[in-house]
């Protein structure tokens, strides 16, 4: 819906501003929740797939 750019009363202006802020906050919270789910899925998928630590003494064995 299109809101009037010049509200007739101060109450209309307040209601319009409140509605716009509510919509903005709702959108922000939805985006944050989606990002959190995405991060948790990524973390869960990476478990168990980490490379083992490299051994430094292998290089020493070849050097000897």
N, C-alpha and C. Protein backbone atom coordinates (compact mmCIF):
# COMPACT_ATOMS: atom_id res chain seq x y z
N UNK A 1 0.84 -1.18 0.00
CA UNK A 1 0.00 0.00 0.00
C UNK A 1 0.88 1.24 0.00
N UNK A 2 0.34 2.28 -0.59
CA UNK A 2 1.07 3.54 -0.70
C UNK A 2 0.58 4.47 0.39
N UNK A 3 1.50 5.01 1.19
CA UNK A 3 1.14 5.93 2.27
C UNK A 3 1.25 7.36 1.75
N UNK A 4 0.39 8.22 2.24
CA UNK A 4 0.44 9.63 1.85
C UNK A 4 1.74 10.24 2.37
N UNK A 5 2.34 11.08 1.54
CA UNK A 5 3.60 11.70 1.96
C UNK A 5 3.37 12.83 2.95
N UNK A 6 2.15 13.40 2.95
CA UNK A 6 1.83 14.47 3.90
C UNK A 6 0.60 14.06 4.71
N UNK A 7 0.80 13.42 5.85
CA UNK A 7 -0.34 13.02 6.67
C UNK A 7 -1.09 14.25 7.19
N UNK A 8 -2.40 14.08 7.41
CA UNK A 8 -3.24 15.21 7.81
C UNK A 8 -3.04 15.58 9.28
N UNK A 9 -2.82 14.61 10.12
CA UNK A 9 -2.69 14.92 11.55
C UNK A 9 -1.39 14.34 12.08
N UNK A 10 -1.03 14.83 13.24
CA UNK A 10 0.18 14.32 13.89
C UNK A 10 0.01 12.86 14.25
N UNK A 11 -1.19 12.45 14.62
CA UNK A 11 -1.44 11.05 14.97
C UNK A 11 -1.24 10.16 13.74
N UNK A 12 -1.69 10.63 12.57
CA UNK A 12 -1.48 9.84 11.35
C UNK A 12 0.01 9.71 11.05
N UNK A 13 0.75 10.78 11.26
CA UNK A 13 2.19 10.73 11.03
C UNK A 13 2.85 9.74 11.98
N UNK A 14 2.43 9.77 13.23
CA UNK A 14 2.99 8.86 14.23
C UNK A 14 2.66 7.41 13.89
N UNK A 15 1.41 7.16 13.51
CA UNK A 15 1.00 5.80 13.15
C UNK A 15 1.75 5.30 11.93
N UNK A 16 1.94 6.19 10.94
CA UNK A 16 2.66 5.80 9.74
C UNK A 16 4.11 5.47 10.08
N UNK A 17 4.75 6.31 10.88
CA UNK A 17 6.14 6.07 11.27
C UNK A 17 6.26 4.79 12.08
N UNK A 18 5.32 4.56 12.98
CA UNK A 18 5.34 3.34 13.79
C UNK A 18 5.19 2.11 12.91
N UNK A 19 4.27 2.17 11.96
CA UNK A 19 4.07 1.05 11.05
C UNK A 19 5.30 0.76 10.21
N UNK A 20 5.94 1.82 9.71
CA UNK A 20 7.14 1.62 8.90
C UNK A 20 8.29 1.03 9.73
N UNK A 21 8.43 1.50 10.95
CA UNK A 21 9.49 0.96 11.81
C UNK A 21 9.20 -0.49 12.18
N UNK A 22 7.93 -0.81 12.44
CA UNK A 22 7.57 -2.20 12.74
C UNK A 22 7.93 -3.11 11.56
N UNK A 23 7.62 -2.64 10.35
CA UNK A 23 7.92 -3.43 9.16
C UNK A 23 9.43 -3.61 9.00
N UNK A 24 10.18 -2.53 9.24
CA UNK A 24 11.64 -2.59 9.13
C UNK A 24 12.23 -3.57 10.15
N UNK A 25 11.76 -3.49 11.39
CA UNK A 25 12.27 -4.37 12.44
C UNK A 25 11.92 -5.83 12.14
N UNK A 26 10.70 -6.05 11.66
CA UNK A 26 10.26 -7.41 11.33
C UNK A 26 11.14 -8.00 10.23
N UNK A 27 11.41 -7.21 9.19
CA UNK A 27 12.26 -7.67 8.09
C UNK A 27 13.67 -7.97 8.59
N UNK A 28 14.19 -7.09 9.44
CA UNK A 28 15.54 -7.28 10.00
C UNK A 28 15.61 -8.57 10.81
N UNK A 29 14.61 -8.81 11.65
CA UNK A 29 14.61 -10.01 12.48
C UNK A 29 14.51 -11.28 11.62
N UNK A 30 13.71 -11.23 10.56
CA UNK A 30 13.62 -12.39 9.67
C UNK A 30 14.97 -12.67 9.02
N UNK A 31 15.65 -11.62 8.58
CA UNK A 31 16.95 -11.78 7.94
C UNK A 31 17.97 -12.35 8.92
N UNK A 32 17.96 -11.86 10.15
CA UNK A 32 18.88 -12.36 11.18
C UNK A 32 18.63 -13.84 11.45
N UNK A 33 17.35 -14.23 11.53
CA UNK A 33 17.02 -15.63 11.79
C UNK A 33 17.49 -16.51 10.63
N UNK A 34 17.32 -16.04 9.40
CA UNK A 34 17.76 -16.81 8.24
C UNK A 34 19.28 -16.96 8.24
N UNK A 35 19.99 -15.89 8.58
CA UNK A 35 21.45 -15.96 8.63
C UNK A 35 21.92 -16.91 9.73
N UNK A 36 21.22 -16.90 10.85
CA UNK A 36 21.59 -17.79 11.96
C UNK A 36 21.41 -19.25 11.55
N UNK A 37 20.28 -19.55 10.89
CA UNK A 37 20.05 -20.92 10.43
C UNK A 37 21.13 -21.33 9.43
N UNK A 38 21.47 -20.42 8.53
CA UNK A 38 22.49 -20.70 7.52
C UNK A 38 23.83 -20.98 8.19
N UNK A 39 24.19 -20.18 9.19
CA UNK A 39 25.45 -20.37 9.91
C UNK A 39 25.44 -21.71 10.64
N UNK A 40 24.33 -22.04 11.31
CA UNK A 40 24.26 -23.29 12.05
C UNK A 40 24.35 -24.49 11.12
N UNK A 41 23.71 -24.40 9.94
CA UNK A 41 23.80 -25.49 8.98
C UNK A 41 25.23 -25.66 8.48
N UNK A 42 25.90 -24.56 8.23
CA UNK A 42 27.29 -24.62 7.77
C UNK A 42 28.17 -25.23 8.83
N UNK A 43 27.98 -24.83 10.08
CA UNK A 43 28.78 -25.37 11.17
C UNK A 43 28.54 -26.87 11.33
N UNK A 44 27.30 -27.28 11.21
CA UNK A 44 26.96 -28.69 11.37
C UNK A 44 27.56 -29.51 10.23
N UNK A 45 27.56 -28.96 9.01
CA UNK A 45 28.08 -29.70 7.87
C UNK A 45 29.60 -29.82 7.91
N UNK A 46 30.26 -28.91 8.57
CA UNK A 46 31.72 -28.94 8.61
C UNK A 46 32.27 -29.83 9.72
N UNK A 47 31.44 -30.30 10.60
CA UNK A 47 31.93 -31.14 11.69
C UNK A 47 32.44 -32.46 11.12
N UNK A 48 33.57 -32.90 11.60
CA UNK A 48 34.12 -34.17 11.16
C UNK A 48 34.88 -34.10 9.86
N UNK A 49 34.91 -32.96 9.22
CA UNK A 49 35.60 -32.83 7.94
C UNK A 49 36.86 -31.98 8.06
N UNK A 50 37.31 -31.76 9.25
CA UNK A 50 38.50 -30.95 9.44
C UNK A 50 39.73 -31.77 9.10
N UNK A 51 40.72 -31.09 8.55
CA UNK A 51 41.96 -31.78 8.21
C UNK A 51 42.72 -32.09 9.49
N UNK A 52 43.36 -33.24 9.52
CA UNK A 52 44.16 -33.56 10.71
C UNK A 52 45.35 -32.61 10.79
N UNK A 53 45.84 -32.37 11.98
CA UNK A 53 47.00 -31.47 12.11
C UNK A 53 48.22 -32.06 11.41
N UNK A 54 48.98 -31.19 10.77
CA UNK A 54 50.16 -31.66 10.04
C UNK A 54 51.28 -31.98 11.02
N UNK A 55 52.01 -32.98 10.70
CA UNK A 55 53.11 -33.38 11.58
C UNK A 55 54.39 -32.69 11.13
N UNK A 56 55.01 -32.03 12.05
CA UNK A 56 56.25 -31.34 11.72
C UNK A 56 57.44 -32.30 11.72
N UNK A 57 57.33 -33.38 12.47
CA UNK A 57 58.47 -34.29 12.55
C UNK A 57 58.62 -35.14 11.29
N UNK A 58 57.66 -35.15 10.38
CA UNK A 58 57.80 -35.89 9.12
C UNK A 58 58.88 -35.24 8.28
N UNK A 59 58.89 -33.92 8.25
CA UNK A 59 59.93 -33.21 7.49
C UNK A 59 61.30 -33.49 8.09
N UNK A 60 61.38 -33.59 9.38
CA UNK A 60 62.66 -33.89 10.03
C UNK A 60 63.15 -35.29 9.64
N UNK A 61 62.23 -36.24 9.50
CA UNK A 61 62.62 -37.61 9.15
C UNK A 61 63.20 -37.66 7.74
N UNK A 62 62.62 -36.89 6.80
CA UNK A 62 63.14 -36.87 5.44
C UNK A 62 64.48 -36.13 5.36
N UNK A 63 64.66 -35.15 6.22
CA UNK A 63 65.90 -34.36 6.19
C UNK A 63 67.08 -35.17 6.72
N UNK A 64 66.84 -36.15 7.55
CA UNK A 64 67.93 -36.89 8.18
C UNK A 64 68.56 -37.90 7.28
